[in-house]
């Protein structure tokens, strides 16, 4: 029995004035396909999501100084810590991408779902 092709819709979201967490939740739901009628948990039927104006997202509270991104090389003294403020100056798309990545289920489909997300800093 041949498989039916999955019809993926492309959704464009304007991130201007949106909170990072709330926006990441919407994006994660679309990437999983939970907004579709034919949602099945074990199949990847999500949509393509394109985000514009990632640099204009709203950061609430004291997160610019208080939130940190960690990267560990595996060697002694190899822990790097970066503030959200520095990440937003250098590459605002990275902060949103990290939030969406954390909100997706931790399974084999996460990498494929993240490939369908494009973030632009217009």
PDB file of N, CA and C in Angstrom:
ATOM      1  N   UNK A   1       0.833  -1.173   0.000  1.00  0.00           N
ATOM      2  CA  UNK A   1       0.000   0.000   0.000  1.00  0.00           C
ATOM      3  C   UNK A   1       0.887   1.249   0.000  1.00  0.00           C
ATOM      4  N   UNK A   2       0.779   2.088  -1.007  1.00  0.00           N
ATOM      5  CA  UNK A   2       1.629   3.287  -1.048  1.00  0.00           C
ATOM      6  C   UNK A   2       1.174   4.327  -0.016  1.00  0.00           C
ATOM      7  N   UNK A   3       2.161   5.045   0.477  1.00  0.00           N
ATOM      8  CA  UNK A   3       1.865   6.107   1.439  1.00  0.00           C
ATOM      9  C   UNK A   3       1.280   7.317   0.741  1.00  0.00           C
ATOM     10  N   UNK A   4       0.390   8.003   1.434  1.00  0.00           N
ATOM     11  CA  UNK A   4      -0.135   9.249   0.907  1.00  0.00           C
ATOM     12  C   UNK A   4       0.881  10.357   1.170  1.00  0.00           C
ATOM     13  N   UNK A   5       1.107  11.241   0.210  1.00  0.00           N
ATOM     14  CA  UNK A   5       2.023  12.358   0.483  1.00  0.00           C
ATOM     15  C   UNK A   5       1.404  13.316   1.501  1.00  0.00           C
ATOM     16  N   UNK A   6       2.268  13.892   2.304  1.00  0.00           N
ATOM     17  CA  UNK A   6       1.803  14.836   3.317  1.00  0.00           C
ATOM     18  C   UNK A   6       1.774  16.231   2.714  1.00  0.00           C
ATOM     19  N   UNK A   7       0.626  16.857   2.748  1.00  0.00           N
ATOM     20  CA  UNK A   7       0.495  18.220   2.253  1.00  0.00           C
ATOM     21  C   UNK A   7       0.857  19.176   3.382  1.00  0.00           C
ATOM     22  N   UNK A   8       1.992  19.824   3.258  1.00  0.00           N
ATOM     23  CA  UNK A   8       2.449  20.751   4.291  1.00  0.00           C
ATOM     24  C   UNK A   8       2.111  22.177   3.881  1.00  0.00           C
ATOM     25  N   UNK A   9       1.494  22.897   4.789  1.00  0.00           N
ATOM     26  CA  UNK A   9       1.181  24.303   4.567  1.00  0.00           C
ATOM     27  C   UNK A   9       2.355  25.147   5.046  1.00  0.00           C
ATOM     28  N   UNK A  10       2.554  26.295   4.431  1.00  0.00           N
ATOM     29  CA  UNK A  10       3.582  27.226   4.873  1.00  0.00           C
ATOM     30  C   UNK A  10       2.913  28.363   5.631  1.00  0.00           C
ATOM     31  N   UNK A  11       3.353  28.566   6.863  1.00  0.00           N
ATOM     32  CA  UNK A  11       2.798  29.614   7.711  1.00  0.00           C
ATOM     33  C   UNK A  11       3.870  30.664   7.944  1.00  0.00           C
ATOM     34  N   UNK A  12       3.548  31.923   7.712  1.00  0.00           N
ATOM     35  CA  UNK A  12       4.466  33.031   7.959  1.00  0.00           C
ATOM     36  C   UNK A  12       3.981  33.785   9.196  1.00  0.00           C
ATOM     37  N   UNK A  13       4.889  33.972  10.139  1.00  0.00           N
ATOM     38  CA  UNK A  13       4.552  34.635  11.398  1.00  0.00           C
ATOM     39  C   UNK A  13       5.411  35.884  11.535  1.00  0.00           C
ATOM     40  N   UNK A  14       4.772  37.000  11.895  1.00  0.00           N
ATOM     41  CA  UNK A  14       5.505  38.228  12.181  1.00  0.00           C
ATOM     42  C   UNK A  14       5.757  38.287  13.679  1.00  0.00           C
ATOM     43  N   UNK A  15       7.026  38.314  14.084  1.00  0.00           N
ATOM     44  CA  UNK A  15       7.393  38.239  15.497  1.00  0.00           C
ATOM     45  C   UNK A  15       7.435  39.597  16.179  1.00  0.00           C
ATOM     46  N   UNK A  16       7.059  40.652  15.509  1.00  0.00           N
ATOM     47  CA  UNK A  16       7.132  41.996  16.081  1.00  0.00           C
ATOM     48  C   UNK A  16       6.228  42.108  17.305  1.00  0.00           C
ATOM     49  N   UNK A  17       6.833  42.439  18.453  1.00  0.00           N
ATOM     50  CA  UNK A  17       6.079  42.643  19.678  1.00  0.00           C
ATOM     51  C   UNK A  17       5.601  41.385  20.371  1.00  0.00           C
ATOM     52  N   UNK A  18       5.931  40.221  19.867  1.00  0.00           N
ATOM     53  CA  UNK A  18       5.511  38.958  20.473  1.00  0.00           C
ATOM     54  C   UNK A  18       6.516  38.543  21.547  1.00  0.00           C
ATOM     55  N   UNK A  19       6.027  37.938  22.613  1.00  0.00           N
ATOM     56  CA  UNK A  19       6.895  37.401  23.651  1.00  0.00           C
ATOM     57  C   UNK A  19       7.571  36.139  23.123  1.00  0.00           C
ATOM     58  N   UNK A  20       8.826  35.926  23.489  1.00  0.00           N
ATOM     59  CA  UNK A  20       9.597  34.802  22.944  1.00  0.00           C
ATOM     60  C   UNK A  20       8.957  33.470  23.294  1.00  0.00           C
ATOM     61  N   UNK A  21       8.576  33.277  24.542  1.00  0.00           N
ATOM     62  CA  UNK A  21       8.012  32.002  24.969  1.00  0.00           C
ATOM     63  C   UNK A  21       6.679  31.687  24.320  1.00  0.00           C
ATOM     64  N   UNK A  22       5.809  32.676  24.258  1.00  0.00           N
ATOM     65  CA  UNK A  22       4.492  32.451  23.656  1.00  0.00           C
ATOM     66  C   UNK A  22       4.605  32.194  22.155  1.00  0.00           C
ATOM     67  N   UNK A  23       5.516  32.891  21.514  1.00  0.00           N
ATOM     68  CA  UNK A  23       5.741  32.676  20.091  1.00  0.00           C
ATOM     69  C   UNK A  23       6.327  31.287  19.841  1.00  0.00           C
ATOM     70  N   UNK A  24       7.267  30.886  20.689  1.00  0.00           N
ATOM     71  CA  UNK A  24       7.886  29.566  20.543  1.00  0.00           C
ATOM     72  C   UNK A  24       6.864  28.453  20.734  1.00  0.00           C
ATOM     73  N   UNK A  25       5.903  28.650  21.615  1.00  0.00           N
ATOM     74  CA  UNK A  25       4.855  27.654  21.829  1.00  0.00           C
ATOM     75  C   UNK A  25       4.006  27.487  20.575  1.00  0.00           C
ATOM     76  N   UNK A  26       3.613  28.603  19.951  1.00  0.00           N
ATOM     77  CA  UNK A  26       2.816  28.535  18.719  1.00  0.00           C
ATOM     78  C   UNK A  26       3.586  27.820  17.614  1.00  0.00           C
ATOM     79  N   UNK A  27       4.866  28.154  17.488  1.00  0.00           N
ATOM     80  CA  UNK A  27       5.693  27.559  16.433  1.00  0.00           C
ATOM     81  C   UNK A  27       5.852  26.070  16.669  1.00  0.00           C
ATOM     82  N   UNK A  28       6.091  25.666  17.913  1.00  0.00           N
ATOM     83  CA  UNK A  28       6.269  24.246  18.229  1.00  0.00           C
ATOM     84  C   UNK A  28       5.013  23.443  17.910  1.00  0.00           C
ATOM     85  N   UNK A  29       3.848  24.020  18.186  1.00  0.00           N
ATOM     86  CA  UNK A  29       2.588  23.328  17.889  1.00  0.00           C
ATOM     87  C   UNK A  29       2.423  23.131  16.382  1.00  0.00           C
ATOM     88  N   UNK A  30       2.790  24.151  15.593  1.00  0.00           N
ATOM     89  CA  UNK A  30       2.668  24.039  14.139  1.00  0.00           C
ATOM     90  C   UNK A  30       3.668  23.043  13.564  1.00  0.00           C
ATOM     91  N   UNK A  31       4.884  23.025  14.095  1.00  0.00           N
ATOM     92  CA  UNK A  31       5.893  22.085  13.599  1.00  0.00           C
ATOM     93  C   UNK A  31       5.505  20.640  13.892  1.00  0.00           C
ATOM     94  N   UNK A  32       4.800  20.429  15.002  1.00  0.00           N
ATOM     95  CA  UNK A  32       4.345  19.082  15.349  1.00  0.00           C
ATOM     96  C   UNK A  32       3.104  18.685  14.561  1.00  0.00           C
ATOM     97  N   UNK A  33       2.354  19.679  14.074  1.00  0.00           N
ATOM     98  CA  UNK A  33       1.140  19.394  13.329  1.00  0.00           C
ATOM     99  C   UNK A  33      -0.090  19.340  14.211  1.00  0.00           C
ATOM    100  N   UNK A  34      -0.014  19.837  15.430  1.00  0.00           N
ATOM    101  CA  UNK A  34      -1.151  19.777  16.344  1.00  0.00           C
ATOM    102  C   UNK A  34      -2.269  20.728  15.949  1.00  0.00           C
ATOM    103  N   UNK A  35      -1.999  21.643  15.021  1.00  0.00           N
ATOM    104  CA  UNK A  35      -3.041  22.554  14.556  1.00  0.00           C
ATOM    105  C   UNK A  35      -3.826  21.954  13.394  1.00  0.00           C
ATOM    106  N   UNK A  36      -3.476  20.768  12.973  1.00  0.00           N
ATOM    107  CA  UNK A  36      -4.127  20.122  11.828  1.00  0.00           C
ATOM    108  C   UNK A  36      -5.162  19.103  12.296  1.00  0.00           C
ATOM    109  N   UNK A  37      -6.108  18.823  11.423  1.00  0.00           N
ATOM    110  CA  UNK A  37      -7.159  17.864  11.738  1.00  0.00           C
ATOM    111  C   UNK A  37      -6.614  16.435  11.721  1.00  0.00           C
ATOM    112  N   UNK A  38      -5.642  16.179  10.843  1.00  0.00           N
ATOM    113  CA  UNK A  38      -5.127  14.818  10.687  1.00  0.00           C
ATOM    114  C   UNK A  38      -3.906  14.549  11.573  1.00  0.00           C
ATOM    115  N   UNK A  39      -3.829  15.166  12.755  1.00  0.00           N
ATOM    116  CA  UNK A  39      -2.696  14.990  13.666  1.00  0.00           C
ATOM    117  C   UNK A  39      -2.641  13.566  14.187  1.00  0.00           C
ATOM    118  N   UNK A  40      -1.464  12.962  14.063  1.00  0.00           N
ATOM    119  CA  UNK A  40      -1.184  11.664  14.651  1.00  0.00           C
ATOM    120  C   UNK A  40       0.143  11.796  15.376  1.00  0.00           C
ATOM    121  N   UNK A  41       0.203  11.350  16.611  1.00  0.00           N
ATOM    122  CA  UNK A  41       1.371  11.592  17.444  1.00  0.00           C
ATOM    123  C   UNK A  41       2.643  10.963  16.885  1.00  0.00           C
ATOM    124  N   UNK A  42       2.539   9.786  16.306  1.00  0.00           N
ATOM    125  CA  UNK A  42       3.726   9.053  15.886  1.00  0.00           C
ATOM    126  C   UNK A  42       4.158   9.365  14.457  1.00  0.00           C
ATOM    127  N   UNK A  43       3.476  10.267  13.759  1.00  0.00           N
ATOM    128  CA  UNK A  43       3.876  10.658  12.413  1.00  0.00           C
ATOM    129  C   UNK A  43       4.183  12.147  12.375  1.00  0.00           C
ATOM    130  N   UNK A  44       5.139  12.497  11.540  1.00  0.00           N
ATOM    131  CA  UNK A  44       5.547  13.890  11.430  1.00  0.00           C
ATOM    132  C   UNK A  44       4.760  14.542  10.306  1.00  0.00           C
ATOM    133  N   UNK A  45       3.639  15.184  10.646  1.00  0.00           N
ATOM    134  CA  UNK A  45       2.769  15.809   9.653  1.00  0.00           C
ATOM    135  C   UNK A  45       2.692  17.320   9.827  1.00  0.00           C
ATOM    136  N   UNK A  46       3.697  17.907  10.445  1.00  0.00           N
ATOM    137  CA  UNK A  46       3.667  19.333  10.742  1.00  0.00           C
ATOM    138  C   UNK A  46       3.845  20.204   9.525  1.00  0.00           C
ATOM    139  N   UNK A  47       3.656  21.482   9.720  1.00  0.00           N
ATOM    140  CA  UNK A  47       3.735  22.467   8.651  1.00  0.00           C
ATOM    141  C   UNK A  47       5.110  23.119   8.600  1.00  0.00           C
ATOM    142  N   UNK A  48       5.342  23.857   7.524  1.00  0.00           N
ATOM    143  CA  UNK A  48       6.536  24.685   7.402  1.00  0.00           C
ATOM    144  C   UNK A  48       6.242  26.023   8.067  1.00  0.00           C
ATOM    145  N   UNK A  49       7.172  26.532   8.854  1.00  0.00           N
ATOM    146  CA  UNK A  49       6.956  27.790   9.568  1.00  0.00           C
ATOM    147  C   UNK A  49       8.088  28.744   9.225  1.00  0.00           C
ATOM    148  N   UNK A  50       7.719  29.950   8.822  1.00  0.00           N
ATOM    149  CA  UNK A  50       8.685  30.999   8.511  1.00  0.00           C
ATOM    150  C   UNK A  50       8.406  32.171   9.443  1.00  0.00           C
ATOM    151  N   UNK A  51       9.427  32.595  10.179  1.00  0.00           N
ATOM    152  CA  UNK A  51       9.281  33.682  11.141  1.00  0.00           C
ATOM    153  C   UNK A  51      10.046  34.893  10.619  1.00  0.00           C
ATOM    154  N   UNK A  52       9.403  36.041  10.632  1.00  0.00           N
ATOM    155  CA  UNK A  52      10.039  37.292  10.191  1.00  0.00           C
ATOM    156  C   UNK A  52      10.177  38.235  11.379  1.00  0.00           C
ATOM    157  N   UNK A  53      11.118  39.160  11.279  1.00  0.00           N
ATOM    158  CA  UNK A  53      11.373  40.175  12.303  1.00  0.00           C
ATOM    159  C   UNK A  53      11.703  39.562  13.656  1.00  0.00           C
ATOM    160  N   UNK A  54      12.596  38.600  13.678  1.00  0.00           N
ATOM    161  CA  UNK A  54      12.982  37.946  14.932  1.00  0.00           C
ATOM    162  C   UNK A  54      13.704  38.906  15.865  1.00  0.00           C
ATOM    163  N   UNK A  55      14.308  39.943  15.324  1.00  0.00           N
ATOM    164  CA  UNK A  55      15.028  40.906  16.164  1.00  0.00           C
ATOM    165  C   UNK A  55      14.073  41.801  16.950  1.00  0.00           C
ATOM    166  N   UNK A  56      12.800  41.812  16.577  1.00  0.00           N
ATOM    167  CA  UNK A  56      11.835  42.709  17.223  1.00  0.00           C
ATOM    168  C   UNK A  56      10.949  41.994  18.233  1.00  0.00           C
ATOM    169  N   UNK A  57      11.374  40.818  18.719  1.00  0.00           N
ATOM    170  CA  UNK A  57      10.589  40.113  19.729  1.00  0.00           C
ATOM    171  C   UNK A  57      10.682  40.859  21.050  1.00  0.00           C
ATOM    172  N   UNK A  58       9.700  40.609  21.900  1.00  0.00           N
ATOM    173  CA  UNK A  58       9.636  41.282  23.196  1.00  0.00           C
ATOM    174  C   UNK A  58      10.247  40.366  24.252  1.00  0.00           C
ATOM    175  N   UNK A  59      11.200  40.904  25.008  1.00  0.00           N
ATOM    176  CA  UNK A  59      11.811  40.172  26.116  1.00  0.00           C
ATOM    177  C   UNK A  59      11.246  40.778  27.400  1.00  0.00           C
ATOM    178  N   UNK A  60      10.560  39.976  28.207  1.00  0.00           N
ATOM    179  CA  UNK A  60       9.913  40.483  29.398  1.00  0.00           C
ATOM    180  C   UNK A  60      10.777  40.241  30.634  1.00  0.00           C
ATOM    181  N   UNK A  61      10.537  41.002  31.653  1.00  0.00           N
ATOM    182  CA  UNK A  61      11.215  40.813  32.926  1.00  0.00           C
ATOM    183  C   UNK A  61      12.699  41.161  32.852  1.00  0.00           C
ATOM    184  N   UNK A  62      13.486  40.479  33.656  1.00  0.00           N
ATOM    185  CA  UNK A  62      14.930  40.714  33.728  1.00  0.00           C
ATOM    186  C   UNK A  62      15.707  39.650  32.971  1.00  0.00           C
ATOM    187  N   UNK A  63      15.102  39.100  31.930  1.00  0.00           N
ATOM    188  CA  UNK A  63      15.727  38.001  31.206  1.00  0.00           C
ATOM    189  C   UNK A  63      16.978  38.411  30.437  1.00  0.00           C
ATOM    190  N   UNK A  64      17.067  39.661  29.998  1.00  0.00           N
ATOM    191  CA  UNK A  64      18.241  40.075  29.222  1.00  0.00           C
ATOM    192  C   UNK A  64      19.529  39.883  30.011  1.00  0.00           C
ATOM    193  N   UNK A  65      19.513  40.148  31.311  1.00  0.00           N
ATOM    194  CA  UNK A  65      20.704  39.957  32.131  1.00  0.00           C
ATOM    195  C   UNK A  65      20.687  38.615  32.858  1.00  0.00           C
ATOM    196  N   UNK A  66      19.503  38.097  33.166  1.00  0.00           N
ATOM    197  CA  UNK A  66      19.399  36.916  34.017  1.00  0.00           C
ATOM    198  C   UNK A  66      19.427  35.586  33.292  1.00  0.00           C
ATOM    199  N   UNK A  67      19.024  35.540  32.035  1.00  0.00           N
ATOM    200  CA  UNK A  67      18.998  34.271  31.301  1.00  0.00           C
ATOM    201  C   UNK A  67      20.335  34.038  30.621  1.00  0.00           C
ATOM    202  N   UNK A  68      20.838  32.813  30.744  1.00  0.00           N
ATOM    203  CA  UNK A  68      22.141  32.468  30.175  1.00  0.00           C
ATOM    204  C   UNK A  68      22.023  31.234  29.283  1.00  0.00           C
ATOM    205  N   UNK A  69      22.869  31.177  28.272  1.00  0.00           N
ATOM    206  CA  UNK A  69      23.001  30.014  27.406  1.00  0.00           C
ATOM    207  C   UNK A  69      24.345  29.363  27.731  1.00  0.00           C
ATOM    208  N   UNK A  70      24.339  28.054  27.944  1.00  0.00           N
ATOM    209  CA  UNK A  70      25.546  27.341  28.328  1.00  0.00           C
ATOM    210  C   UNK A  70      26.018  26.446  27.204  1.00  0.00           C
ATOM    211  N   UNK A  71      27.336  26.373  27.029  1.00  0.00           N
ATOM    212  CA  UNK A  71      27.944  25.462  26.061  1.00  0.00           C
ATOM    213  C   UNK A  71      29.154  24.847  26.749  1.00  0.00           C
ATOM    214  N   UNK A  72      29.214  23.528  26.768  1.00  0.00           N
ATOM    215  CA  UNK A  72      30.305  22.837  27.442  1.00  0.00           C
ATOM    216  C   UNK A  72      31.074  22.003  26.426  1.00  0.00           C
ATOM    217  N   UNK A  73      32.386  22.208  26.375  1.00  0.00           N
ATOM    218  CA  UNK A  73      33.228  21.523  25.394  1.00  0.00           C
ATOM    219  C   UNK A  73      33.568  20.101  25.808  1.00  0.00           C
ATOM    220  N   UNK A  74      33.415  19.788  27.079  1.00  0.00           N
ATOM    221  CA  UNK A  74      33.766  18.462  27.564  1.00  0.00           C
ATOM    222  C   UNK A  74      35.112  18.440  28.254  1.00  0.00           C
ATOM    223  N   UNK A  75      35.836  19.514  28.189  1.00  0.00           N
ATOM    224  CA  UNK A  75      37.149  19.613  28.815  1.00  0.00           C
ATOM    225  C   UNK A  75      37.047  20.412  30.115  1.00  0.00           C
ATOM    226  N   UNK A  76      37.993  20.202  31.046  1.00  0.00           N
ATOM    227  CA  UNK A  76      37.987  21.001  32.273  1.00  0.00           C
ATOM    228  C   UNK A  76      38.114  22.491  31.949  1.00  0.00           C
ATOM    229  N   UNK A  77      37.257  23.290  32.526  1.00  0.00           N
ATOM    230  CA  UNK A  77      37.263  24.725  32.260  1.00  0.00           C
ATOM    231  C   UNK A  77      36.637  25.087  30.932  1.00  0.00           C
ATOM    232  N   UNK A  78      35.941  24.160  30.301  1.00  0.00           N
ATOM    233  CA  UNK A  78      35.386  24.382  28.969  1.00  0.00           C
ATOM    234  C   UNK A  78      33.952  24.865  28.959  1.00  0.00           C
ATOM    235  N   UNK A  79      33.440  25.319  30.102  1.00  0.00           N
ATOM    236  CA  UNK A  79      32.069  25.821  30.167  1.00  0.00           C
ATOM    237  C   UNK A  79      32.033  27.276  29.712  1.00  0.00           C
ATOM    238  N   UNK A  80      31.190  27.559  28.708  1.00  0.00           N
ATOM    239  CA  UNK A  80      31.007  28.941  28.237  1.00  0.00           C
ATOM    240  C   UNK A  80      29.609  29.374  28.590  1.00  0.00           C
ATOM    241  N   UNK A  81      29.487  30.582  29.098  1.00  0.00           N
ATOM    242  CA  UNK A  81      28.196  31.119  29.512  1.00  0.00           C
ATOM    243  C   UNK A  81      27.971  32.443  28.797  1.00  0.00           C
ATOM    244  N   UNK A  82      26.826  32.566  28.113  1.00  0.00           N
ATOM    245  CA  UNK A  82      26.506  33.771  27.352  1.00  0.00           C
ATOM    246  C   UNK A  82      25.161  34.313  27.808  1.00  0.00           C
ATOM    247  N   UNK A  83      25.085  35.615  28.038  1.00  0.00           N
ATOM    248  CA  UNK A  83      23.825  36.239  28.426  1.00  0.00           C
ATOM    249  C   UNK A  83      22.909  36.378  27.216  1.00  0.00           C
ATOM    250  N   UNK A  84      21.608  36.411  27.493  1.00  0.00           N
ATOM    251  CA  UNK A  84      20.616  36.587  26.432  1.00  0.00           C
ATOM    252  C   UNK A  84      20.823  37.916  25.719  1.00  0.00           C
ATOM    253  N   UNK A  85      21.263  38.932  26.438  1.00  0.00           N
ATOM    254  CA  UNK A  85      21.515  40.252  25.851  1.00  0.00           C
ATOM    255  C   UNK A  85      22.558  40.156  24.729  1.00  0.00           C
ATOM    256  N   UNK A  86      23.632  39.390  24.962  1.00  0.00           N
ATOM    257  CA  UNK A  86      24.682  39.230  23.957  1.00  0.00           C
ATOM    258  C   UNK A  86      24.196  38.416  22.760  1.00  0.00           C
ATOM    259  N   UNK A  87      23.375  37.407  23.029  1.00  0.00           N
ATOM    260  CA  UNK A  87      22.837  36.572  21.941  1.00  0.00           C
ATOM    261  C   UNK A  87      21.902  37.402  21.071  1.00  0.00           C
ATOM    262  N   UNK A  88      21.077  38.262  21.689  1.00  0.00           N
ATOM    263  CA  UNK A  88      20.139  39.087  20.928  1.00  0.00           C
ATOM    264  C   UNK A  88      20.873  40.126  20.079  1.00  0.00           C
ATOM    265  N   UNK A  89      22.006  40.622  20.541  1.00  0.00           N
ATOM    266  CA  UNK A  89      22.786  41.570  19.747  1.00  0.00           C
ATOM    267  C   UNK A  89      23.443  40.886  18.554  1.00  0.00           C
ATOM    268  N   UNK A  90      23.987  39.696  18.790  1.00  0.00           N
ATOM    269  CA  UNK A  90      24.732  38.996  17.750  1.00  0.00           C
ATOM    270  C   UNK A  90      23.812  38.300  16.743  1.00  0.00           C
ATOM    271  N   UNK A  91      22.874  37.492  17.240  1.00  0.00           N
ATOM    272  CA  UNK A  91      21.991  36.724  16.358  1.00  0.00           C
ATOM    273  C   UNK A  91      20.659  36.473  17.074  1.00  0.00           C
ATOM    274  N   UNK A  92      19.658  37.349  16.904  1.00  0.00           N
ATOM    275  CA  UNK A  92      18.386  37.184  17.602  1.00  0.00           C
ATOM    276  C   UNK A  92      17.647  35.907  17.216  1.00  0.00           C
ATOM    277  N   UNK A  93      17.896  35.396  16.037  1.00  0.00           N
ATOM    278  CA  UNK A  93      17.223  34.167  15.611  1.00  0.00           C
ATOM    279  C   UNK A  93      17.649  32.984  16.470  1.00  0.00           C
ATOM    280  N   UNK A  94      18.862  33.010  16.983  1.00  0.00           N
ATOM    281  CA  UNK A  94      19.382  31.916  17.806  1.00  0.00           C
ATOM    282  C   UNK A  94      18.581  31.760  19.096  1.00  0.00           C
ATOM    283  N   UNK A  95      18.180  32.883  19.704  1.00  0.00           N
ATOM    284  CA  UNK A  95      17.407  32.823  20.946  1.00  0.00           C
ATOM    285  C   UNK A  95      16.039  32.200  20.711  1.00  0.00           C
ATOM    286  N   UNK A  96      15.382  32.590  19.632  1.00  0.00           N
ATOM    287  CA  UNK A  96      14.071  32.030  19.316  1.00  0.00           C
ATOM    288  C   UNK A  96      14.189  30.565  18.909  1.00  0.00           C
ATOM    289  N   UNK A  97      15.216  30.245  18.153  1.00  0.00           N
ATOM    290  CA  UNK A  97      15.442  28.859  17.734  1.00  0.00           C
ATOM    291  C   UNK A  97      15.674  27.957  18.941  1.00  0.00           C
ATOM    292  N   UNK A  98      16.415  28.437  19.909  1.00  0.00           N
ATOM    293  CA  UNK A  98      16.685  27.674  21.122  1.00  0.00           C
ATOM    294  C   UNK A  98      15.408  27.431  21.917  1.00  0.00           C
ATOM    295  N   UNK A  99      14.544  28.445  21.986  1.00  0.00           N
ATOM    296  CA  UNK A  99      13.278  28.308  22.714  1.00  0.00           C
ATOM    297  C   UNK A  99      12.368  27.285  22.041  1.00  0.00           C
ATOM    298  N   UNK A 100      12.283  27.312  20.712  1.00  0.00           N
ATOM    299  CA  UNK A 100      11.445  26.354  19.977  1.00  0.00           C
ATOM    300  C   UNK A 100      12.008  24.945  20.135  1.00  0.00           C
ATOM    301  N   UNK A 101      13.327  24.802  20.027  1.00  0.00           N
ATOM    302  CA  UNK A 101      13.981  23.497  20.150  1.00  0.00           C
ATOM    303  C   UNK A 101      13.677  22.869  21.505  1.00  0.00           C
ATOM    304  N   UNK A 102      13.675  23.678  22.559  1.00  0.00           N
ATOM    305  CA  UNK A 102      13.405  23.159  23.897  1.00  0.00           C
ATOM    306  C   UNK A 102      11.950  22.760  24.084  1.00  0.00           C
ATOM    307  N   UNK A 103      11.042  23.373  23.318  1.00  0.00           N
ATOM    308  CA  UNK A 103       9.622  23.089  23.482  1.00  0.00           C
ATOM    309  C   UNK A 103       9.136  21.896  22.668  1.00  0.00           C
ATOM    310  N   UNK A 104       9.956  21.428  21.735  1.00  0.00           N
ATOM    311  CA  UNK A 104       9.568  20.249  20.961  1.00  0.00           C
ATOM    312  C   UNK A 104       9.838  18.986  21.779  1.00  0.00           C
ATOM    313  N   UNK A 105       9.087  17.908  21.537  1.00  0.00           N
ATOM    314  CA  UNK A 105       9.333  16.660  22.263  1.00  0.00           C
ATOM    315  C   UNK A 105      10.737  16.131  21.985  1.00  0.00           C
ATOM    316  N   UNK A 106      11.340  15.562  23.013  1.00  0.00           N
ATOM    317  CA  UNK A 106      12.705  15.056  22.900  1.00  0.00           C
ATOM    318  C   UNK A 106      12.667  13.645  22.313  1.00  0.00           C
ATOM    319  N   UNK A 107      12.555  13.554  20.993  1.00  0.00           N
ATOM    320  CA  UNK A 107      12.510  12.263  20.319  1.00  0.00           C
ATOM    321  C   UNK A 107      13.197  12.357  18.953  1.00  0.00           C
ATOM    322  N   UNK A 108      13.098  11.307  18.156  1.00  0.00           N
ATOM    323  CA  UNK A 108      13.800  11.246  16.870  1.00  0.00           C
ATOM    324  C   UNK A 108      13.311  12.269  15.859  1.00  0.00           C
ATOM    325  N   UNK A 109      12.114  12.757  16.021  1.00  0.00           N
ATOM    326  CA  UNK A 109      11.528  13.659  15.030  1.00  0.00           C
ATOM    327  C   UNK A 109      11.945  15.114  15.230  1.00  0.00           C
ATOM    328  N   UNK A 110      12.601  15.422  16.339  1.00  0.00           N
ATOM    329  CA  UNK A 110      12.903  16.820  16.649  1.00  0.00           C
ATOM    330  C   UNK A 110      13.805  17.467  15.614  1.00  0.00           C
ATOM    331  N   UNK A 111      14.839  16.795  15.132  1.00  0.00           N
ATOM    332  CA  UNK A 111      15.740  17.379  14.137  1.00  0.00           C
ATOM    333  C   UNK A 111      15.016  17.674  12.832  1.00  0.00           C
ATOM    334  N   UNK A 112      14.185  16.756  12.387  1.00  0.00           N
ATOM    335  CA  UNK A 112      13.441  16.965  11.139  1.00  0.00           C
ATOM    336  C   UNK A 112      12.441  18.110  11.273  1.00  0.00           C
ATOM    337  N   UNK A 113      11.851  18.240  12.435  1.00  0.00           N
ATOM    338  CA  UNK A 113      10.910  19.335  12.653  1.00  0.00           C
ATOM    339  C   UNK A 113      11.629  20.676  12.642  1.00  0.00           C
ATOM    340  N   UNK A 114      12.806  20.733  13.232  1.00  0.00           N
ATOM    341  CA  UNK A 114      13.562  21.986  13.260  1.00  0.00           C
ATOM    342  C   UNK A 114      14.031  22.393  11.869  1.00  0.00           C
ATOM    343  N   UNK A 115      14.213  21.445  10.960  1.00  0.00           N
ATOM    344  CA  UNK A 115      14.612  21.767   9.589  1.00  0.00           C
ATOM    345  C   UNK A 115      13.512  22.522   8.848  1.00  0.00           C
ATOM    346  N   UNK A 116      12.267  22.372   9.295  1.00  0.00           N
ATOM    347  CA  UNK A 116      11.153  23.060   8.643  1.00  0.00           C
ATOM    348  C   UNK A 116      10.918  24.462   9.183  1.00  0.00           C
ATOM    349  N   UNK A 117      11.761  24.915  10.108  1.00  0.00           N
ATOM    350  CA  UNK A 117      11.644  26.242  10.691  1.00  0.00           C
ATOM    351  C   UNK A 117      12.701  27.156  10.075  1.00  0.00           C
ATOM    352  N   UNK A 118      12.256  28.302   9.521  1.00  0.00           N
ATOM    353  CA  UNK A 118      13.200  29.310   9.024  1.00  0.00           C
ATOM    354  C   UNK A 118      12.916  30.618   9.747  1.00  0.00           C
ATOM    355  N   UNK A 119      13.978  31.232  10.250  1.00  0.00           N
ATOM    356  CA  UNK A 119      13.850  32.485  11.009  1.00  0.00           C
ATOM    357  C   UNK A 119      14.662  33.552  10.290  1.00  0.00           C
ATOM    358  N   UNK A 120      14.016  34.698  10.032  1.00  0.00           N
ATOM    359  CA  UNK A 120      14.677  35.790   9.329  1.00  0.00           C
ATOM    360  C   UNK A 120      14.655  37.047  10.190  1.00  0.00           C
ATOM    361  N   UNK A 121      15.725  37.813  10.116  1.00  0.00           N
ATOM    362  CA  UNK A 121      15.837  39.057  10.882  1.00  0.00           C
ATOM    363  C   UNK A 121      15.602  40.255   9.992  1.00  0.00           C
ATOM    364  N   UNK A 122      14.439  40.371   9.396  1.00  0.00           N
ATOM    365  CA  UNK A 122      14.139  41.493   8.506  1.00  0.00           C
ATOM    366  C   UNK A 122      13.955  42.780   9.269  1.00  0.00           C
TER     367      UNK A 122
END
